[in-house]
Amino acid sequence: MSFASFNDFLAMGHHGLYVWSAYGICLLVLAINVAAPVLSKRRYLQEEARRLRREKSK
């Protein structure tokens, strides 16, 4: 598919809103799939460090 201009490329034959929102949603889901385990691991490690400090101080 060839486009005459960059604006035509962005418009995607009047389907641009659907196409670009689909790309955006896909990127958002991928970012969440990467960030969630990283944040979960960080939270787990912090909780374990707190638990160990509490046990050590008893």
PDB file of N, CA and C in Angstrom:
ATOM      1  N   MET A   1       0.850  -1.171   0.000  1.00  0.00           N
ATOM      2  CA  MET A   1       0.000   0.000   0.000  1.00  0.00           C
ATOM      3  C   MET A   1       0.896   1.234   0.000  1.00  0.00           C
ATOM      4  N   SER A   2       0.599   2.158  -0.834  1.00  0.00           N
ATOM      5  CA  SER A   2       1.392   3.380  -0.967  1.00  0.00           C
ATOM      6  C   SER A   2       0.543   4.581  -0.551  1.00  0.00           C
ATOM      7  N   PHE A   3       1.193   5.516   0.105  1.00  0.00           N
ATOM      8  CA  PHE A   3       0.497   6.715   0.561  1.00  0.00           C
ATOM      9  C   PHE A   3       1.134   7.932  -0.107  1.00  0.00           C
ATOM     10  N   ALA A   4       0.294   8.906  -0.441  1.00  0.00           N
ATOM     11  CA  ALA A   4       0.762  10.105  -1.128  1.00  0.00           C
ATOM     12  C   ALA A   4       1.501  11.048  -0.177  1.00  0.00           C
ATOM     13  N   SER A   5       1.115  11.031   1.098  1.00  0.00           N
ATOM     14  CA  SER A   5       1.749  11.930   2.062  1.00  0.00           C
ATOM     15  C   SER A   5       1.739  11.279   3.447  1.00  0.00           C
ATOM     16  N   PHE A   6       2.440  11.919   4.352  1.00  0.00           N
ATOM     17  CA  PHE A   6       2.491  11.407   5.723  1.00  0.00           C
ATOM     18  C   PHE A   6       1.113  11.492   6.379  1.00  0.00           C
ATOM     19  N   ASN A   7       0.350  12.533   6.058  1.00  0.00           N
ATOM     20  CA  ASN A   7      -1.004  12.653   6.603  1.00  0.00           C
ATOM     21  C   ASN A   7      -1.894  11.517   6.113  1.00  0.00           C
ATOM     22  N   ASP A   8      -1.735  11.127   4.849  1.00  0.00           N
ATOM     23  CA  ASP A   8      -2.486   9.974   4.347  1.00  0.00           C
ATOM     24  C   ASP A   8      -2.085   8.700   5.081  1.00  0.00           C
ATOM     25  N   PHE A   9      -0.807   8.583   5.374  1.00  0.00           N
ATOM     26  CA  PHE A   9      -0.337   7.433   6.139  1.00  0.00           C
ATOM     27  C   PHE A   9      -0.988   7.396   7.514  1.00  0.00           C
ATOM     28  N   LEU A  10      -1.024   8.538   8.196  1.00  0.00           N
ATOM     29  CA  LEU A  10      -1.644   8.594   9.520  1.00  0.00           C
ATOM     30  C   LEU A  10      -3.147   8.338   9.454  1.00  0.00           C
ATOM     31  N   ALA A  11      -3.799   8.798   8.384  1.00  0.00           N
ATOM     32  CA  ALA A  11      -5.244   8.619   8.241  1.00  0.00           C
ATOM     33  C   ALA A  11      -5.588   7.175   7.882  1.00  0.00           C
ATOM     34  N   MET A  12      -4.672   6.455   7.249  1.00  0.00           N
ATOM     35  CA  MET A  12      -4.862   5.041   6.881  1.00  0.00           C
ATOM     36  C   MET A  12      -6.180   4.819   6.142  1.00  0.00           C
ATOM     37  N   GLY A  13      -6.463   5.659   5.183  1.00  0.00           N
ATOM     38  CA  GLY A  13      -7.701   5.486   4.420  1.00  0.00           C
ATOM     39  C   GLY A  13      -8.940   5.625   5.285  1.00  0.00           C
ATOM     40  N   HIS A  14      -8.955   6.591   6.167  1.00  0.00           N
ATOM     41  CA  HIS A  14     -10.052   6.884   7.101  1.00  0.00           C
ATOM     42  C   HIS A  14     -10.218   5.815   8.175  1.00  0.00           C
ATOM     43  N   HIS A  15      -9.239   4.942   8.345  1.00  0.00           N
ATOM     44  CA  HIS A  15      -9.258   3.945   9.408  1.00  0.00           C
ATOM     45  C   HIS A  15      -8.154   4.201  10.429  1.00  0.00           C
ATOM     46  N   GLY A  16      -7.542   5.365  10.354  1.00  0.00           N
ATOM     47  CA  GLY A  16      -6.398   5.690  11.205  1.00  0.00           C
ATOM     48  C   GLY A  16      -6.702   5.633  12.684  1.00  0.00           C
ATOM     49  N   LEU A  17      -7.855   6.124  13.082  1.00  0.00           N
ATOM     50  CA  LEU A  17      -8.203   6.115  14.502  1.00  0.00           C
ATOM     51  C   LEU A  17      -8.224   4.686  15.030  1.00  0.00           C
ATOM     52  N   TYR A  18      -8.843   3.783  14.289  1.00  0.00           N
ATOM     53  CA  TYR A  18      -8.897   2.385  14.701  1.00  0.00           C
ATOM     54  C   TYR A  18      -7.499   1.763  14.704  1.00  0.00           C
ATOM     55  N   VAL A  19      -6.747   1.976  13.640  1.00  0.00           N
ATOM     56  CA  VAL A  19      -5.418   1.360  13.508  1.00  0.00           C
ATOM     57  C   VAL A  19      -4.484   1.849  14.609  1.00  0.00           C
ATOM     58  N   TRP A  20      -4.387   3.156  14.788  1.00  0.00           N
ATOM     59  CA  TRP A  20      -3.444   3.695  15.769  1.00  0.00           C
ATOM     60  C   TRP A  20      -3.880   3.425  17.198  1.00  0.00           C
ATOM     61  N   SER A  21      -5.190   3.404  17.455  1.00  0.00           N
ATOM     62  CA  SER A  21      -5.632   3.051  18.807  1.00  0.00           C
ATOM     63  C   SER A  21      -5.348   1.573  19.090  1.00  0.00           C
ATOM     64  N   ALA A  22      -5.475   0.708  18.087  1.00  0.00           N
ATOM     65  CA  ALA A  22      -5.138  -0.709  18.270  1.00  0.00           C
ATOM     66  C   ALA A  22      -3.650  -0.870  18.577  1.00  0.00           C
ATOM     67  N   TYR A  23      -2.800  -0.143  17.854  1.00  0.00           N
ATOM     68  CA  TYR A  23      -1.366  -0.176  18.152  1.00  0.00           C
ATOM     69  C   TYR A  23      -1.095   0.338  19.567  1.00  0.00           C
ATOM     70  N   GLY A  24      -1.749   1.407  19.949  1.00  0.00           N
ATOM     71  CA  GLY A  24      -1.549   1.979  21.277  1.00  0.00           C
ATOM     72  C   GLY A  24      -1.970   1.026  22.382  1.00  0.00           C
ATOM     73  N   ILE A  25      -3.121   0.396  22.216  1.00  0.00           N
ATOM     74  CA  ILE A  25      -3.600  -0.554  23.213  1.00  0.00           C
ATOM     75  C   ILE A  25      -2.652  -1.742  23.303  1.00  0.00           C
ATOM     76  N   CYS A  26      -2.181  -2.213  22.157  1.00  0.00           N
ATOM     77  CA  CYS A  26      -1.237  -3.333  22.134  1.00  0.00           C
ATOM     78  C   CYS A  26       0.047  -2.968  22.873  1.00  0.00           C
ATOM     79  N   LEU A  27       0.593  -1.796  22.621  1.00  0.00           N
ATOM     80  CA  LEU A  27       1.808  -1.365  23.311  1.00  0.00           C
ATOM     81  C   LEU A  27       1.573  -1.205  24.811  1.00  0.00           C
ATOM     82  N   LEU A  28       0.399  -0.715  25.180  1.00  0.00           N
ATOM     83  CA  LEU A  28       0.061  -0.571  26.599  1.00  0.00           C
ATOM     84  C   LEU A  28       0.019  -1.932  27.287  1.00  0.00           C
ATOM     85  N   VAL A  29      -0.619  -2.901  26.657  1.00  0.00           N
ATOM     86  CA  VAL A  29      -0.697  -4.245  27.235  1.00  0.00           C
ATOM     87  C   VAL A  29       0.700  -4.866  27.348  1.00  0.00           C
ATOM     88  N   LEU A  30       1.517  -4.690  26.327  1.00  0.00           N
ATOM     89  CA  LEU A  30       2.881  -5.215  26.394  1.00  0.00           C
ATOM     90  C   LEU A  30       3.678  -4.558  27.521  1.00  0.00           C
ATOM     91  N   ALA A  31       3.525  -3.251  27.686  1.00  0.00           N
ATOM     92  CA  ALA A  31       4.228  -2.548  28.761  1.00  0.00           C
ATOM     93  C   ALA A  31       3.767  -3.043  30.131  1.00  0.00           C
ATOM     94  N   ILE A  32       2.477  -3.275  30.289  1.00  0.00           N
ATOM     95  CA  ILE A  32       1.958  -3.795  31.550  1.00  0.00           C
ATOM     96  C   ILE A  32       2.490  -5.199  31.806  1.00  0.00           C
ATOM     97  N   ASN A  33       2.551  -6.015  30.750  1.00  0.00           N
ATOM     98  CA  ASN A  33       3.060  -7.378  30.899  1.00  0.00           C
ATOM     99  C   ASN A  33       4.532  -7.409  31.280  1.00  0.00           C
ATOM    100  N   VAL A  34       5.274  -6.387  30.946  1.00  0.00           N
ATOM    101  CA  VAL A  34       6.676  -6.307  31.344  1.00  0.00           C
ATOM    102  C   VAL A  34       6.801  -5.698  32.738  1.00  0.00           C
ATOM    103  N   ALA A  35       6.047  -4.654  33.009  1.00  0.00           N
ATOM    104  CA  ALA A  35       6.190  -3.919  34.266  1.00  0.00           C
ATOM    105  C   ALA A  35       5.604  -4.653  35.470  1.00  0.00           C
ATOM    106  N   ALA A  36       4.512  -5.360  35.296  1.00  0.00           N
ATOM    107  CA  ALA A  36       3.842  -5.998  36.432  1.00  0.00           C
ATOM    108  C   ALA A  36       4.741  -6.995  37.163  1.00  0.00           C
ATOM    109  N   PRO A  37       5.393  -7.912  36.478  1.00  0.00           N
ATOM    110  CA  PRO A  37       6.259  -8.842  37.216  1.00  0.00           C
ATOM    111  C   PRO A  37       7.451  -8.145  37.878  1.00  0.00           C
ATOM    112  N   VAL A  38       7.993  -7.134  37.233  1.00  0.00           N
ATOM    113  CA  VAL A  38       9.121  -6.401  37.814  1.00  0.00           C
ATOM    114  C   VAL A  38       8.687  -5.717  39.109  1.00  0.00           C
ATOM    115  N   LEU A  39       7.544  -5.056  39.079  1.00  0.00           N
ATOM    116  CA  LEU A  39       7.038  -4.384  40.275  1.00  0.00           C
ATOM    117  C   LEU A  39       6.655  -5.388  41.353  1.00  0.00           C
ATOM    118  N   SER A  40       6.086  -6.502  40.947  1.00  0.00           N
ATOM    119  CA  SER A  40       5.707  -7.537  41.897  1.00  0.00           C
ATOM    120  C   SER A  40       6.937  -8.118  42.586  1.00  0.00           C
ATOM    121  N   LYS A  41       7.987  -8.369  41.834  1.00  0.00           N
ATOM    122  CA  LYS A  41       9.213  -8.897  42.424  1.00  0.00           C
ATOM    123  C   LYS A  41       9.822  -7.897  43.402  1.00  0.00           C
ATOM    124  N   ARG A  42       9.839  -6.633  43.012  1.00  0.00           N
ATOM    125  CA  ARG A  42      10.381  -5.591  43.890  1.00  0.00           C
ATOM    126  C   ARG A  42       9.595  -5.526  45.194  1.00  0.00           C
ATOM    127  N   ARG A  43       8.262  -5.574  45.094  1.00  0.00           N
ATOM    128  CA  ARG A  43       7.414  -5.531  46.287  1.00  0.00           C
ATOM    129  C   ARG A  43       7.660  -6.758  47.163  1.00  0.00           C
ATOM    130  N   TYR A  44       7.775  -7.919  46.552  1.00  0.00           N
ATOM    131  CA  TYR A  44       8.038  -9.145  47.308  1.00  0.00           C
ATOM    132  C   TYR A  44       9.374  -9.056  48.049  1.00  0.00           C
ATOM    133  N   LEU A  45      10.409  -8.590  47.374  1.00  0.00           N
ATOM    134  CA  LEU A  45      11.720  -8.481  48.005  1.00  0.00           C
ATOM    135  C   LEU A  45      11.709  -7.484  49.158  1.00  0.00           C
ATOM    136  N   GLN A  46      10.995  -6.384  49.005  1.00  0.00           N
ATOM    137  CA  GLN A  46      10.889  -5.409  50.087  1.00  0.00           C
ATOM    138  C   GLN A  46      10.156  -5.997  51.287  1.00  0.00           C
ATOM    139  N   GLU A  47       9.071  -6.742  51.023  1.00  0.00           N
ATOM    140  CA  GLU A  47       8.323  -7.356  52.117  1.00  0.00           C
ATOM    141  C   GLU A  47       9.163  -8.413  52.835  1.00  0.00           C
ATOM    142  N   GLU A  48       9.918  -9.191  52.092  1.00  0.00           N
ATOM    143  CA  GLU A  48      10.779 -10.200  52.704  1.00  0.00           C
ATOM    144  C   GLU A  48      11.886  -9.551  53.537  1.00  0.00           C
ATOM    145  N   ALA A  49      12.454  -8.461  53.033  1.00  0.00           N
ATOM    146  CA  ALA A  49      13.485  -7.751  53.793  1.00  0.00           C
ATOM    147  C   ALA A  49      12.895  -7.212  55.090  1.00  0.00           C
ATOM    148  N   ARG A  50      11.699  -6.665  55.038  1.00  0.00           N
ATOM    149  CA  ARG A  50      11.020  -6.185  56.248  1.00  0.00           C
ATOM    150  C   ARG A  50      10.767  -7.318  57.225  1.00  0.00           C
ATOM    151  N   ARG A  51      10.294  -8.446  56.704  1.00  0.00           N
ATOM    152  CA  ARG A  51      10.004  -9.606  57.551  1.00  0.00           C
ATOM    153  C   ARG A  51      11.276 -10.109  58.231  1.00  0.00           C
ATOM    154  N   LEU A  52      12.368 -10.174  57.482  1.00  0.00           N
ATOM    155  CA  LEU A  52      13.635 -10.634  58.056  1.00  0.00           C
ATOM    156  C   LEU A  52      14.149  -9.677  59.133  1.00  0.00           C
ATOM    157  N   ARG A  53      13.990  -8.368  58.894  1.00  0.00           N
ATOM    158  CA  ARG A  53      14.411  -7.390  59.903  1.00  0.00           C
ATOM    159  C   ARG A  53      13.578  -7.548  61.181  1.00  0.00           C
ATOM    160  N   ARG A  54      12.255  -7.773  61.011  1.00  0.00           N
ATOM    161  CA  ARG A  54      11.387  -7.961  62.184  1.00  0.00           C
ATOM    162  C   ARG A  54      11.795  -9.208  62.957  1.00  0.00           C
ATOM    163  N   GLU A  55      12.045 -10.304  62.233  1.00  0.00           N
ATOM    164  CA  GLU A  55      12.436 -11.548  62.903  1.00  0.00           C
ATOM    165  C   GLU A  55      13.788 -11.416  63.594  1.00  0.00           C
ATOM    166  N   LYS A  56      14.672 -10.669  62.981  1.00  0.00           N
ATOM    167  CA  LYS A  56      16.022 -10.488  63.545  1.00  0.00           C
ATOM    168  C   LYS A  56      15.973  -9.633  64.819  1.00  0.00           C
ATOM    169  N   SER A  57      15.053  -8.684  64.868  1.00  0.00           N
ATOM    170  CA  SER A  57      14.986  -7.787  66.020  1.00  0.00           C
ATOM    171  C   SER A  57      14.278  -8.418  67.221  1.00  0.00           C
ATOM    172  N   LYS A  58      13.601  -9.522  67.024  1.00  0.00           N
ATOM    173  CA  LYS A  58      12.879 -10.174  68.148  1.00  0.00           C
ATOM    174  C   LYS A  58      13.805 -10.884  69.073  1.00  0.00           C
TER     175      LYS A  58
END
